[in-house]
Protein backbone atom coordinates (compact mmCIF):
# COMPACT_ATOMS: atom_id res chain seq x y z
CA MET A 1 -50.87 56.16 1.29
CA ALA A 2 -48.03 54.04 0.31
CA ALA A 3 -48.73 50.42 -0.40
CA VAL A 4 -46.57 47.91 1.45
CA ARG A 5 -45.25 45.23 -0.79
CA GLU A 6 -45.61 41.79 0.66
CA ALA A 7 -43.27 38.91 -0.05
CA LEU A 8 -44.54 35.93 -1.98
CA PRO A 9 -45.95 33.16 0.17
CA GLU A 10 -43.27 30.53 0.86
CA GLY A 11 -43.53 27.31 -1.10
CA ARG A 12 -46.41 28.54 -3.23
CA TYR A 13 -44.53 29.08 -6.49
CA GLY A 14 -42.04 26.20 -6.42
CA ARG A 15 -38.40 26.15 -5.46
CA SER A 16 -36.08 29.02 -6.00
CA GLN A 17 -33.05 28.76 -8.29
CA ASP A 18 -30.70 28.54 -5.28
CA GLU A 19 -32.58 25.59 -3.82
CA ARG A 20 -32.46 23.74 -7.16
CA ALA A 21 -28.72 24.40 -7.52
CA ASP A 22 -28.08 23.18 -3.95
CA ARG A 23 -30.00 19.98 -4.64
CA LYS A 24 -28.05 19.32 -7.86
CA LEU A 25 -24.73 19.87 -6.07
CA LYS A 26 -25.74 17.47 -3.29
CA ILE A 27 -26.67 14.79 -5.83
CA ILE A 28 -23.46 15.24 -7.83
CA GLY A 29 -21.37 15.21 -4.64
CA SER A 30 -23.06 12.01 -3.44
CA VAL A 31 -22.52 10.25 -6.77
CA LEU A 32 -18.86 11.28 -6.90
CA GLY A 33 -18.35 10.24 -3.26
CA VAL A 34 -19.82 6.79 -3.88
CA ALA A 35 -17.70 6.40 -7.04
CA PHE A 36 -14.55 7.40 -5.13
CA LEU A 37 -15.27 4.92 -2.32
CA ALA A 38 -15.89 2.17 -4.88
CA MET A 39 -12.57 2.97 -6.58
CA VAL A 40 -10.67 2.91 -3.27
CA GLY A 41 -12.33 -0.39 -2.40
CA TRP A 42 -11.44 -1.89 -5.77
CA PHE A 43 -7.78 -0.83 -5.50
CA GLY A 44 -7.60 -2.13 -1.93
CA TYR A 45 -9.08 -5.49 -2.88
CA ASP A 46 -6.79 -5.77 -5.90
CA TYR A 47 -3.73 -5.02 -3.75
CA VAL A 48 -4.65 -7.53 -1.04
CA ALA A 49 -5.77 -10.22 -3.49
CA GLY A 50 -2.50 -9.84 -5.41
CA GLN A 51 -0.42 -10.53 -2.30
CA ASP A 52 0.32 -14.26 -2.68
CA ILE A 53 3.54 -13.81 -0.73
CA SER A 54 4.31 -11.78 2.36
CA ALA A 55 7.59 -11.61 4.24
CA GLU A 56 9.37 -9.77 6.99
CA VAL A 57 12.87 -9.44 8.33
CA ILE A 58 12.72 -10.72 11.90
CA LYS A 59 16.21 -9.49 12.77
CA SER A 60 19.46 -8.67 11.04
CA ARG A 61 23.11 -8.89 12.01
CA ILE A 62 26.18 -7.24 10.53
CA VAL A 63 28.83 -9.96 10.36
CA SER A 64 31.74 -7.96 8.88
CA ASP A 65 32.53 -5.03 6.58
CA GLY A 66 31.55 -7.19 3.60
CA LEU A 67 28.73 -9.37 4.94
CA ALA A 68 25.32 -8.95 6.56
CA GLU A 69 22.80 -11.58 7.61
CA ALA A 70 19.04 -11.36 7.91
CA HIS A 71 16.50 -13.70 9.48
CA LEU A 72 13.80 -13.79 6.80
CA GLU A 73 10.32 -15.21 7.34
CA VAL A 74 8.18 -15.80 4.24
CA ARG A 75 4.48 -16.71 4.29
CA LYS A 76 2.91 -17.90 1.05
CA GLU A 77 0.51 -20.33 -0.52
CA ARG A 78 1.84 -23.87 -0.41
CA ASP A 79 2.37 -24.17 -4.18
CA ALA A 80 3.61 -20.63 -4.80
CA ASP A 81 7.20 -19.87 -5.66
CA GLY A 82 8.91 -16.53 -6.05
CA HIS A 83 11.62 -14.30 -4.68
CA CYS A 84 12.27 -11.61 -2.09
CA THR A 85 14.68 -8.70 -2.51
CA LEU A 86 16.75 -7.53 0.44
CA ARG A 87 19.15 -4.62 0.56
CA ALA A 88 21.84 -3.59 3.00
CA LEU A 89 22.11 0.06 3.99
CA SER A 90 25.10 2.07 5.18
CA GLU A 91 25.03 4.53 8.05
CA ASP A 92 24.09 7.42 5.73
CA GLY A 93 21.20 5.41 4.22
CA GLY A 94 22.97 4.51 0.98
CA GLU A 95 22.64 1.04 -0.47
CA VAL A 96 25.78 -1.08 -0.05
CA GLY A 97 24.33 -4.46 -1.01
CA ARG A 98 21.32 -6.02 -2.69
CA ALA A 99 20.31 -9.65 -3.21
CA ASP A 100 17.33 -11.64 -4.46
CA PHE A 101 16.48 -14.83 -2.62
CA ARG A 102 14.43 -17.41 -4.51
CA PHE A 103 12.23 -19.96 -2.83
CA ASP A 104 10.27 -22.84 -4.29
CA GLU A 105 9.70 -25.04 -1.24
CA ARG A 106 6.21 -26.52 -1.10
CA THR A 107 5.43 -25.20 2.37
CA GLY A 108 3.30 -22.30 3.55
CA ARG A 109 6.03 -20.78 5.72
CA ILE A 110 9.77 -20.45 5.14
CA ASP A 111 12.01 -19.31 7.98
CA GLU A 112 15.72 -18.97 7.24
CA VAL A 113 18.81 -16.84 7.73
CA VAL A 114 20.18 -15.38 4.47
CA SER A 115 23.48 -13.61 3.79
CA LEU A 116 24.11 -10.47 1.73
CA ARG A 117 27.53 -9.45 0.47
CA THR A 118 28.16 -5.73 0.84
CA THR A 119 30.60 -3.26 -0.72
CA SER A 120 31.24 -1.56 2.64
CA ARG A 121 30.05 -1.85 6.22
CA ALA A 122 26.27 -2.00 6.50
CA THR A 123 24.25 -0.82 9.47
CA ALA A 124 20.83 -2.23 8.53
CA VAL A 125 19.09 -4.73 6.25
CA GLU A 126 15.79 -3.81 4.61
CA LEU A 127 13.20 -5.95 2.82
CA LYS A 128 12.39 -4.24 -0.50
CA GLY A 129 9.60 -6.63 -1.43
CA CYS A 130 8.55 -10.05 -2.62
CA ALA A 131 6.98 -11.27 -5.83
CA ALA A 132 5.44 -14.53 -6.96
CA GLY A 133 6.68 -16.40 -9.99
CA GLY A 134 9.89 -16.04 -11.95
């Protein structure tokens, strides 16, 4: 008679190597996931906290081949000063004008129309960005 070999009883001799490796991978993945979320949160907070000044171009108008106007609205802290950079774009997307506009008014909102000189006819005005300070 041939003896039938029986499998070991489940759970009697501890975990198998595969189960231990799976558990380690789950722990490492969880730790790395939490670290990644913390890093994204930190970068997001740093970006938002660093935004003392925000602005947008409400509308723009091409006055002539050498001049464009933009209605610029700036929101900032009352005591902050800084500048915003606007650029004028041609039909093919090339830059035909760029200007920095400084503001130091002690108000929380500035709303004004600014003019950019251009080297050729512009088709659009774009806000590049704003920065606090000098």
